Amino acid sequence: MIINEEESDPYLKAAILEVVENQMRNNDPPETNQTYDRLINEGHSEEDAKRLIGCVIALEMIGILKKKKKFDHARFVKALKKLPELPND
């Protein structure tokens, strides 16, 4: 999956980053903070770590809205664990 910053909607980007912030603040799910910490320790900037997590959240939301999938915690965590490699589905 290739994300082109010039083509992204700034409002959608802000909304997804707000979800990332909420998950981190509430530690729900805790895997979001664990992933953030891991990415920072691997040398990613705070902004990049949050953006990568946001990509996983966005893909999960697309699955829920477009593909009528239910939220799957295990699928979400599996995608977080693969970061910085982005899911391709």
PDB file of N, CA and C in Angstrom:
ATOM      1  N   MET A   1       0.845  -1.175   0.000  1.00  0.00           N
ATOM      2  CA  MET A   1       0.000   0.000   0.000  1.00  0.00           C
ATOM      3  C   MET A   1       0.889   1.236   0.000  1.00  0.00           C
ATOM      4  N   ILE A   2       0.668   2.125  -0.936  1.00  0.00           N
ATOM      5  CA  ILE A   2       1.448   3.352  -1.028  1.00  0.00           C
ATOM      6  C   ILE A   2       0.537   4.507  -0.651  1.00  0.00           C
ATOM      7  N   ILE A   3       1.030   5.321   0.259  1.00  0.00           N
ATOM      8  CA  ILE A   3       0.248   6.467   0.704  1.00  0.00           C
ATOM      9  C   ILE A   3       0.929   7.725   0.192  1.00  0.00           C
ATOM     10  N   ASN A   4       0.191   8.493  -0.588  1.00  0.00           N
ATOM     11  CA  ASN A   4       0.698   9.714  -1.169  1.00  0.00           C
ATOM     12  C   ASN A   4       0.199  10.881  -0.324  1.00  0.00           C
ATOM     13  N   GLU A   5       1.101  11.551   0.367  1.00  0.00           N
ATOM     14  CA  GLU A   5       0.732  12.649   1.261  1.00  0.00           C
ATOM     15  C   GLU A   5      -0.001  13.771   0.518  1.00  0.00           C
ATOM     16  N   GLU A   6       0.382  14.046  -0.738  1.00  0.00           N
ATOM     17  CA  GLU A   6      -0.263  15.132  -1.477  1.00  0.00           C
ATOM     18  C   GLU A   6      -1.727  14.821  -1.779  1.00  0.00           C
ATOM     19  N   GLU A   7      -2.065  13.554  -1.892  1.00  0.00           N
ATOM     20  CA  GLU A   7      -3.417  13.175  -2.254  1.00  0.00           C
ATOM     21  C   GLU A   7      -4.300  12.889  -1.043  1.00  0.00           C
ATOM     22  N   SER A   8      -3.739  12.902   0.160  1.00  0.00           N
ATOM     23  CA  SER A   8      -4.532  12.563   1.326  1.00  0.00           C
ATOM     24  C   SER A   8      -5.372  13.756   1.762  1.00  0.00           C
ATOM     25  N   ASP A   9      -6.534  13.459   2.296  1.00  0.00           N
ATOM     26  CA  ASP A   9      -7.467  14.466   2.789  1.00  0.00           C
ATOM     27  C   ASP A   9      -6.987  14.916   4.169  1.00  0.00           C
ATOM     28  N   PRO A  10      -6.697  16.195   4.350  1.00  0.00           N
ATOM     29  CA  PRO A  10      -6.160  16.650   5.639  1.00  0.00           C
ATOM     30  C   PRO A  10      -7.134  16.444   6.798  1.00  0.00           C
ATOM     31  N   TYR A  11      -8.436  16.517   6.537  1.00  0.00           N
ATOM     32  CA  TYR A  11      -9.427  16.311   7.597  1.00  0.00           C
ATOM     33  C   TYR A  11      -9.485  14.847   8.013  1.00  0.00           C
ATOM     34  N   LEU A  12      -9.414  13.970   7.027  1.00  0.00           N
ATOM     35  CA  LEU A  12      -9.415  12.542   7.314  1.00  0.00           C
ATOM     36  C   LEU A  12      -8.136  12.160   8.054  1.00  0.00           C
ATOM     37  N   LYS A  13      -7.023  12.703   7.603  1.00  0.00           N
ATOM     38  CA  LYS A  13      -5.749  12.442   8.268  1.00  0.00           C
ATOM     39  C   LYS A  13      -5.807  12.893   9.727  1.00  0.00           C
ATOM     40  N   ALA A  14      -6.338  14.077   9.970  1.00  0.00           N
ATOM     41  CA  ALA A  14      -6.448  14.596  11.341  1.00  0.00           C
ATOM     42  C   ALA A  14      -7.358  13.713  12.191  1.00  0.00           C
ATOM     43  N   ALA A  15      -8.459  13.239  11.604  1.00  0.00           N
ATOM     44  CA  ALA A  15      -9.387  12.382  12.344  1.00  0.00           C
ATOM     45  C   ALA A  15      -8.733  11.056  12.720  1.00  0.00           C
ATOM     46  N   ILE A  16      -7.988  10.485  11.786  1.00  0.00           N
ATOM     47  CA  ILE A  16      -7.327   9.203  12.069  1.00  0.00           C
ATOM     48  C   ILE A  16      -6.235   9.388  13.119  1.00  0.00           C
ATOM     49  N   LEU A  17      -5.475  10.482  13.026  1.00  0.00           N
ATOM     50  CA  LEU A  17      -4.450  10.742  14.031  1.00  0.00           C
ATOM     51  C   LEU A  17      -5.076  10.997  15.402  1.00  0.00           C
ATOM     52  N   GLU A  18      -6.273  11.546  15.422  1.00  0.00           N
ATOM     53  CA  GLU A  18      -6.988  11.725  16.692  1.00  0.00           C
ATOM     54  C   GLU A  18      -7.356  10.369  17.296  1.00  0.00           C
ATOM     55  N   VAL A  19      -7.734   9.421  16.445  1.00  0.00           N
ATOM     56  CA  VAL A  19      -8.013   8.064  16.929  1.00  0.00           C
ATOM     57  C   VAL A  19      -6.746   7.460  17.526  1.00  0.00           C
ATOM     58  N   VAL A  20      -5.617   7.642  16.854  1.00  0.00           N
ATOM     59  CA  VAL A  20      -4.342   7.146  17.373  1.00  0.00           C
ATOM     60  C   VAL A  20      -4.079   7.756  18.746  1.00  0.00           C
ATOM     61  N   GLU A  21      -4.212   9.067  18.854  1.00  0.00           N
ATOM     62  CA  GLU A  21      -3.984   9.761  20.129  1.00  0.00           C
ATOM     63  C   GLU A  21      -4.925   9.241  21.219  1.00  0.00           C
ATOM     64  N   ASN A  22      -6.191   9.040  20.880  1.00  0.00           N
ATOM     65  CA  ASN A  22      -7.158   8.527  21.856  1.00  0.00           C
ATOM     66  C   ASN A  22      -6.779   7.129  22.318  1.00  0.00           C
ATOM     67  N   GLN A  23      -6.389   6.276  21.391  1.00  0.00           N
ATOM     68  CA  GLN A  23      -5.996   4.920  21.760  1.00  0.00           C
ATOM     69  C   GLN A  23      -4.777   4.952  22.681  1.00  0.00           C
ATOM     70  N   MET A  24      -3.835   5.833  22.380  1.00  0.00           N
ATOM     71  CA  MET A  24      -2.632   5.926  23.203  1.00  0.00           C
ATOM     72  C   MET A  24      -2.955   6.499  24.589  1.00  0.00           C
ATOM     73  N   ARG A  25      -3.752   7.540  24.631  1.00  0.00           N
ATOM     74  CA  ARG A  25      -4.108   8.172  25.904  1.00  0.00           C
ATOM     75  C   ARG A  25      -4.870   7.216  26.816  1.00  0.00           C
ATOM     76  N   ASN A  26      -5.781   6.448  26.219  1.00  0.00           N
ATOM     77  CA  ASN A  26      -6.620   5.523  26.988  1.00  0.00           C
ATOM     78  C   ASN A  26      -5.982   4.146  27.157  1.00  0.00           C
ATOM     79  N   ASN A  27      -4.845   3.949  26.502  1.00  0.00           N
ATOM     80  CA  ASN A  27      -4.175   2.644  26.499  1.00  0.00           C
ATOM     81  C   ASN A  27      -5.160   1.533  26.106  1.00  0.00           C
ATOM     82  N   ASP A  28      -5.960   1.836  25.074  1.00  0.00           N
ATOM     83  CA  ASP A  28      -6.989   0.896  24.622  1.00  0.00           C
ATOM     84  C   ASP A  28      -7.058   0.922  23.104  1.00  0.00           C
ATOM     85  N   PRO A  29      -6.537  -0.070  22.473  1.00  0.00           N
ATOM     86  CA  PRO A  29      -5.925  -1.268  23.025  1.00  0.00           C
ATOM     87  C   PRO A  29      -4.470  -0.988  23.412  1.00  0.00           C
ATOM     88  N   PRO A  30      -3.951  -1.714  24.366  1.00  0.00           N
ATOM     89  CA  PRO A  30      -2.575  -1.473  24.809  1.00  0.00           C
ATOM     90  C   PRO A  30      -1.545  -1.733  23.711  1.00  0.00           C
ATOM     91  N   GLU A  31      -1.888  -2.522  22.727  1.00  0.00           N
ATOM     92  CA  GLU A  31      -0.954  -2.825  21.630  1.00  0.00           C
ATOM     93  C   GLU A  31      -0.592  -1.583  20.816  1.00  0.00           C
ATOM     94  N   THR A  32      -1.457  -0.567  20.839  1.00  0.00           N
ATOM     95  CA  THR A  32      -1.136   0.672  20.132  1.00  0.00           C
ATOM     96  C   THR A  32       0.074   1.340  20.785  1.00  0.00           C
ATOM     97  N   ASN A  33       0.070   1.461  22.103  1.00  0.00           N
ATOM     98  CA  ASN A  33       1.220   2.050  22.804  1.00  0.00           C
ATOM     99  C   ASN A  33       2.457   1.171  22.666  1.00  0.00           C
ATOM    100  N   GLN A  34       2.272  -0.126  22.725  1.00  0.00           N
ATOM    101  CA  GLN A  34       3.401  -1.045  22.574  1.00  0.00           C
ATOM    102  C   GLN A  34       4.038  -0.872  21.191  1.00  0.00           C
ATOM    103  N   THR A  35       3.198  -0.753  20.185  1.00  0.00           N
ATOM    104  CA  THR A  35       3.688  -0.573  18.818  1.00  0.00           C
ATOM    105  C   THR A  35       4.392   0.771  18.671  1.00  0.00           C
ATOM    106  N   TYR A  36       3.804   1.811  19.235  1.00  0.00           N
ATOM    107  CA  TYR A  36       4.417   3.143  19.193  1.00  0.00           C
ATOM    108  C   TYR A  36       5.808   3.094  19.825  1.00  0.00           C
ATOM    109  N   ASP A  37       5.903   2.525  21.009  1.00  0.00           N
ATOM    110  CA  ASP A  37       7.195   2.429  21.701  1.00  0.00           C
ATOM    111  C   ASP A  37       8.209   1.644  20.867  1.00  0.00           C
ATOM    112  N   ARG A  38       7.766   0.544  20.272  1.00  0.00           N
ATOM    113  CA  ARG A  38       8.668  -0.275  19.452  1.00  0.00           C
ATOM    114  C   ARG A  38       9.173   0.512  18.253  1.00  0.00           C
ATOM    115  N   LEU A  39       8.267   1.212  17.581  1.00  0.00           N
ATOM    116  CA  LEU A  39       8.667   1.988  16.403  1.00  0.00           C
ATOM    117  C   LEU A  39       9.646   3.107  16.778  1.00  0.00           C
ATOM    118  N   ILE A  40       9.404   3.771  17.898  1.00  0.00           N
ATOM    119  CA  ILE A  40      10.313   4.823  18.366  1.00  0.00           C
ATOM    120  C   ILE A  40      11.687   4.212  18.656  1.00  0.00           C
ATOM    121  N   ASN A  41      11.705   3.067  19.327  1.00  0.00           N
ATOM    122  CA  ASN A  41      12.971   2.395  19.643  1.00  0.00           C
ATOM    123  C   ASN A  41      13.707   1.926  18.399  1.00  0.00           C
ATOM    124  N   GLU A  42      12.967   1.689  17.319  1.00  0.00           N
ATOM    125  CA  GLU A  42      13.581   1.286  16.052  1.00  0.00           C
ATOM    126  C   GLU A  42      14.094   2.486  15.258  1.00  0.00           C
ATOM    127  N   GLY A  43      13.866   3.697  15.778  1.00  0.00           N
ATOM    128  CA  GLY A  43      14.405   4.883  15.132  1.00  0.00           C
ATOM    129  C   GLY A  43      13.415   5.725  14.348  1.00  0.00           C
ATOM    130  N   HIS A  44      12.149   5.370  14.384  1.00  0.00           N
ATOM    131  CA  HIS A  44      11.140   6.171  13.689  1.00  0.00           C
ATOM    132  C   HIS A  44      10.819   7.417  14.511  1.00  0.00           C
ATOM    133  N   SER A  45      10.485   8.491  13.833  1.00  0.00           N
ATOM    134  CA  SER A  45      10.085   9.708  14.541  1.00  0.00           C
ATOM    135  C   SER A  45       8.703   9.497  15.161  1.00  0.00           C
ATOM    136  N   GLU A  46       8.349  10.353  16.113  1.00  0.00           N
ATOM    137  CA  GLU A  46       7.021  10.276  16.730  1.00  0.00           C
ATOM    138  C   GLU A  46       5.936  10.411  15.660  1.00  0.00           C
ATOM    139  N   GLU A  47       6.130  11.355  14.751  1.00  0.00           N
ATOM    140  CA  GLU A  47       5.152  11.589  13.685  1.00  0.00           C
ATOM    141  C   GLU A  47       5.008  10.358  12.796  1.00  0.00           C
ATOM    142  N   ASP A  48       6.117   9.763  12.397  1.00  0.00           N
ATOM    143  CA  ASP A  48       6.056   8.582  11.540  1.00  0.00           C
ATOM    144  C   ASP A  48       5.428   7.400  12.259  1.00  0.00           C
ATOM    145  N   ALA A  49       5.756   7.221  13.534  1.00  0.00           N
ATOM    146  CA  ALA A  49       5.173   6.114  14.295  1.00  0.00           C
ATOM    147  C   ALA A  49       3.655   6.251  14.358  1.00  0.00           C
ATOM    148  N   LYS A  50       3.171   7.448  14.640  1.00  0.00           N
ATOM    149  CA  LYS A  50       1.725   7.675  14.708  1.00  0.00           C
ATOM    150  C   LYS A  50       1.081   7.524  13.333  1.00  0.00           C
ATOM    151  N   ARG A  51       1.777   7.985  12.299  1.00  0.00           N
ATOM    152  CA  ARG A  51       1.238   7.854  10.936  1.00  0.00           C
ATOM    153  C   ARG A  51       1.115   6.386  10.545  1.00  0.00           C
ATOM    154  N   LEU A  52       2.127   5.579  10.879  1.00  0.00           N
ATOM    155  CA  LEU A  52       2.080   4.149  10.560  1.00  0.00           C
ATOM    156  C   LEU A  52       0.937   3.460  11.297  1.00  0.00           C
ATOM    157  N   ILE A  53       0.777   3.766  12.570  1.00  0.00           N
ATOM    158  CA  ILE A  53      -0.334   3.202  13.340  1.00  0.00           C
ATOM    159  C   ILE A  53      -1.653   3.662  12.731  1.00  0.00           C
ATOM    160  N   GLY A  54      -1.706   4.923  12.319  1.00  0.00           N
ATOM    161  CA  GLY A  54      -2.912   5.452  11.676  1.00  0.00           C
ATOM    162  C   GLY A  54      -3.254   4.718  10.391  1.00  0.00           C
ATOM    163  N   CYS A  55      -2.249   4.274   9.666  1.00  0.00           N
ATOM    164  CA  CYS A  55      -2.494   3.496   8.442  1.00  0.00           C
ATOM    165  C   CYS A  55      -3.218   2.197   8.770  1.00  0.00           C
ATOM    166  N   VAL A  56      -2.793   1.543   9.849  1.00  0.00           N
ATOM    167  CA  VAL A  56      -3.444   0.292  10.245  1.00  0.00           C
ATOM    168  C   VAL A  56      -4.889   0.573  10.682  1.00  0.00           C
ATOM    169  N   ILE A  57      -5.084   1.647  11.423  1.00  0.00           N
ATOM    170  CA  ILE A  57      -6.439   2.018  11.848  1.00  0.00           C
ATOM    171  C   ILE A  57      -7.303   2.314  10.628  1.00  0.00           C
ATOM    172  N   ALA A  58      -6.767   3.070   9.679  1.00  0.00           N
ATOM    173  CA  ALA A  58      -7.528   3.414   8.473  1.00  0.00           C
ATOM    174  C   ALA A  58      -7.918   2.162   7.695  1.00  0.00           C
ATOM    175  N   LEU A  59      -6.989   1.234   7.553  1.00  0.00           N
ATOM    176  CA  LEU A  59      -7.310   0.004   6.826  1.00  0.00           C
ATOM    177  C   LEU A  59      -8.373  -0.814   7.551  1.00  0.00           C
ATOM    178  N   GLU A  60      -8.308  -0.830   8.863  1.00  0.00           N
ATOM    179  CA  GLU A  60      -9.331  -1.542   9.637  1.00  0.00           C
ATOM    180  C   GLU A  60     -10.695  -0.868   9.441  1.00  0.00           C
ATOM    181  N   MET A  61     -10.705   0.457   9.432  1.00  0.00           N
ATOM    182  CA  MET A  61     -11.957   1.194   9.226  1.00  0.00           C
ATOM    183  C   MET A  61     -12.527   0.937   7.828  1.00  0.00           C
ATOM    184  N   ILE A  62     -11.651   0.878   6.834  1.00  0.00           N
ATOM    185  CA  ILE A  62     -12.102   0.582   5.472  1.00  0.00           C
ATOM    186  C   ILE A  62     -12.742  -0.800   5.426  1.00  0.00           C
ATOM    187  N   GLY A  63     -12.111  -1.753   6.067  1.00  0.00           N
ATOM    188  CA  GLY A  63     -12.674  -3.104   6.113  1.00  0.00           C
ATOM    189  C   GLY A  63     -14.043  -3.131   6.752  1.00  0.00           C
ATOM    190  N   ILE A  64     -14.209  -2.357   7.806  1.00  0.00           N
ATOM    191  CA  ILE A  64     -15.493  -2.302   8.504  1.00  0.00           C
ATOM    192  C   ILE A  64     -16.549  -1.632   7.631  1.00  0.00           C
ATOM    193  N   LEU A  65     -16.195  -0.508   7.025  1.00  0.00           N
ATOM    194  CA  LEU A  65     -17.173   0.280   6.281  1.00  0.00           C
ATOM    195  C   LEU A  65     -17.461  -0.251   4.879  1.00  0.00           C
ATOM    196  N   LYS A  66     -16.428  -0.620   4.141  1.00  0.00           N
ATOM    197  CA  LYS A  66     -16.615  -1.036   2.755  1.00  0.00           C
ATOM    198  C   LYS A  66     -16.839  -2.524   2.591  1.00  0.00           C
ATOM    199  N   LYS A  67     -16.110  -3.296   3.355  1.00  0.00           N
ATOM    200  CA  LYS A  67     -16.159  -4.741   3.162  1.00  0.00           C
ATOM    201  C   LYS A  67     -17.081  -5.424   4.166  1.00  0.00           C
ATOM    202  N   LYS A  68     -17.728  -4.607   5.008  1.00  0.00           N
ATOM    203  CA  LYS A  68     -18.691  -5.112   5.995  1.00  0.00           C
ATOM    204  C   LYS A  68     -18.065  -6.137   6.950  1.00  0.00           C
ATOM    205  N   LYS A  69     -16.769  -5.980   7.206  1.00  0.00           N
ATOM    206  CA  LYS A  69     -16.093  -6.850   8.172  1.00  0.00           C
ATOM    207  C   LYS A  69     -16.344  -6.313   9.572  1.00  0.00           C
ATOM    208  N   LYS A  70     -16.366  -7.189  10.540  1.00  0.00           N
ATOM    209  CA  LYS A  70     -16.439  -6.765  11.927  1.00  0.00           C
ATOM    210  C   LYS A  70     -15.022  -6.462  12.394  1.00  0.00           C
ATOM    211  N   PHE A  71     -14.929  -5.581  13.403  1.00  0.00           N
ATOM    212  CA  PHE A  71     -13.616  -5.312  13.971  1.00  0.00           C
ATOM    213  C   PHE A  71     -13.057  -6.615  14.524  1.00  0.00           C
ATOM    214  N   ASP A  72     -11.829  -6.876  14.177  1.00  0.00           N
ATOM    215  CA  ASP A  72     -11.156  -8.100  14.613  1.00  0.00           C
ATOM    216  C   ASP A  72      -9.883  -7.690  15.344  1.00  0.00           C
ATOM    217  N   HIS A  73      -9.915  -7.780  16.666  1.00  0.00           N
ATOM    218  CA  HIS A  73      -8.779  -7.362  17.479  1.00  0.00           C
ATOM    219  C   HIS A  73      -7.510  -8.102  17.076  1.00  0.00           C
ATOM    220  N   ALA A  74      -7.611  -9.399  16.853  1.00  0.00           N
ATOM    221  CA  ALA A  74      -6.431 -10.200  16.483  1.00  0.00           C
ATOM    222  C   ALA A  74      -5.853  -9.728  15.152  1.00  0.00           C
ATOM    223  N   ARG A  75      -6.696  -9.429  14.176  1.00  0.00           N
ATOM    224  CA  ARG A  75      -6.229  -8.942  12.866  1.00  0.00           C
ATOM    225  C   ARG A  75      -5.539  -7.581  13.038  1.00  0.00           C
ATOM    226  N   PHE A  76      -6.130  -6.720  13.863  1.00  0.00           N
ATOM    227  CA  PHE A  76      -5.581  -5.392  14.126  1.00  0.00           C
ATOM    228  C   PHE A  76      -4.196  -5.499  14.771  1.00  0.00           C
ATOM    229  N   VAL A  77      -4.075  -6.337  15.787  1.00  0.00           N
ATOM    230  CA  VAL A  77      -2.794  -6.515  16.482  1.00  0.00           C
ATOM    231  C   VAL A  77      -1.750  -7.119  15.546  1.00  0.00           C
ATOM    232  N   LYS A  78      -2.165  -8.065  14.730  1.00  0.00           N
ATOM    233  CA  LYS A  78      -1.241  -8.686  13.774  1.00  0.00           C
ATOM    234  C   LYS A  78      -0.683  -7.633  12.820  1.00  0.00           C
ATOM    235  N   ALA A  79      -1.541  -6.723  12.355  1.00  0.00           N
ATOM    236  CA  ALA A  79      -1.097  -5.658  11.449  1.00  0.00           C
ATOM    237  C   ALA A  79      -0.157  -4.694  12.173  1.00  0.00           C
ATOM    238  N   LEU A  80      -0.453  -4.377  13.439  1.00  0.00           N
ATOM    239  CA  LEU A  80       0.434  -3.499  14.208  1.00  0.00           C
ATOM    240  C   LEU A  80       1.813  -4.130  14.366  1.00  0.00           C
ATOM    241  N   LYS A  81       1.845  -5.420  14.615  1.00  0.00           N
ATOM    242  CA  LYS A  81       3.120  -6.121  14.836  1.00  0.00           C
ATOM    243  C   LYS A  81       3.989  -6.139  13.593  1.00  0.00           C
ATOM    244  N   LYS A  82       3.380  -6.025  12.411  1.00  0.00           N
ATOM    245  CA  LYS A  82       4.139  -6.045  11.160  1.00  0.00           C
ATOM    246  C   LYS A  82       4.721  -4.671  10.800  1.00  0.00           C
ATOM    247  N   LEU A  83       4.250  -3.617  11.451  1.00  0.00           N
ATOM    248  CA  LEU A  83       4.774  -2.285  11.143  1.00  0.00           C
ATOM    249  C   LEU A  83       6.272  -2.240  11.379  1.00  0.00           C
ATOM    250  N   PRO A  84       7.034  -1.572  10.537  1.00  0.00           N
ATOM    251  CA  PRO A  84       6.620  -0.562   9.575  1.00  0.00           C
ATOM    252  C   PRO A  84       6.130  -1.106   8.226  1.00  0.00           C
ATOM    253  N   GLU A  85       6.103  -2.422   8.061  1.00  0.00           N
ATOM    254  CA  GLU A  85       5.523  -2.979   6.843  1.00  0.00           C
ATOM    255  C   GLU A  85       4.010  -2.798   6.912  1.00  0.00           C
ATOM    256  N   LEU A  86       3.454  -2.190   5.889  1.00  0.00           N
ATOM    257  CA  LEU A  86       2.019  -1.938   5.874  1.00  0.00           C
ATOM    258  C   LEU A  86       1.257  -3.127   5.308  1.00  0.00           C
ATOM    259  N   PRO A  87       0.070  -3.374   5.847  1.00  0.00           N
ATOM    260  CA  PRO A  87      -0.759  -4.444   5.289  1.00  0.00           C
ATOM    261  C   PRO A  87      -1.071  -4.154   3.829  1.00  0.00           C
ATOM    262  N   ASN A  88      -1.249  -5.189   3.049  1.00  0.00           N
ATOM    263  CA  ASN A  88      -1.513  -4.988   1.620  1.00  0.00           C
ATOM    264  C   ASN A  88      -2.924  -5.395   1.224  1.00  0.00           C
ATOM    265  N   ASP A  89      -3.808  -5.508   2.188  1.00  0.00           N
ATOM    266  CA  ASP A  89      -5.201  -5.842   1.830  1.00  0.00           C
ATOM    267  C   ASP A  89      -6.153  -4.749   2.216  1.00  0.00           C
TER     268      ASP A  89
END
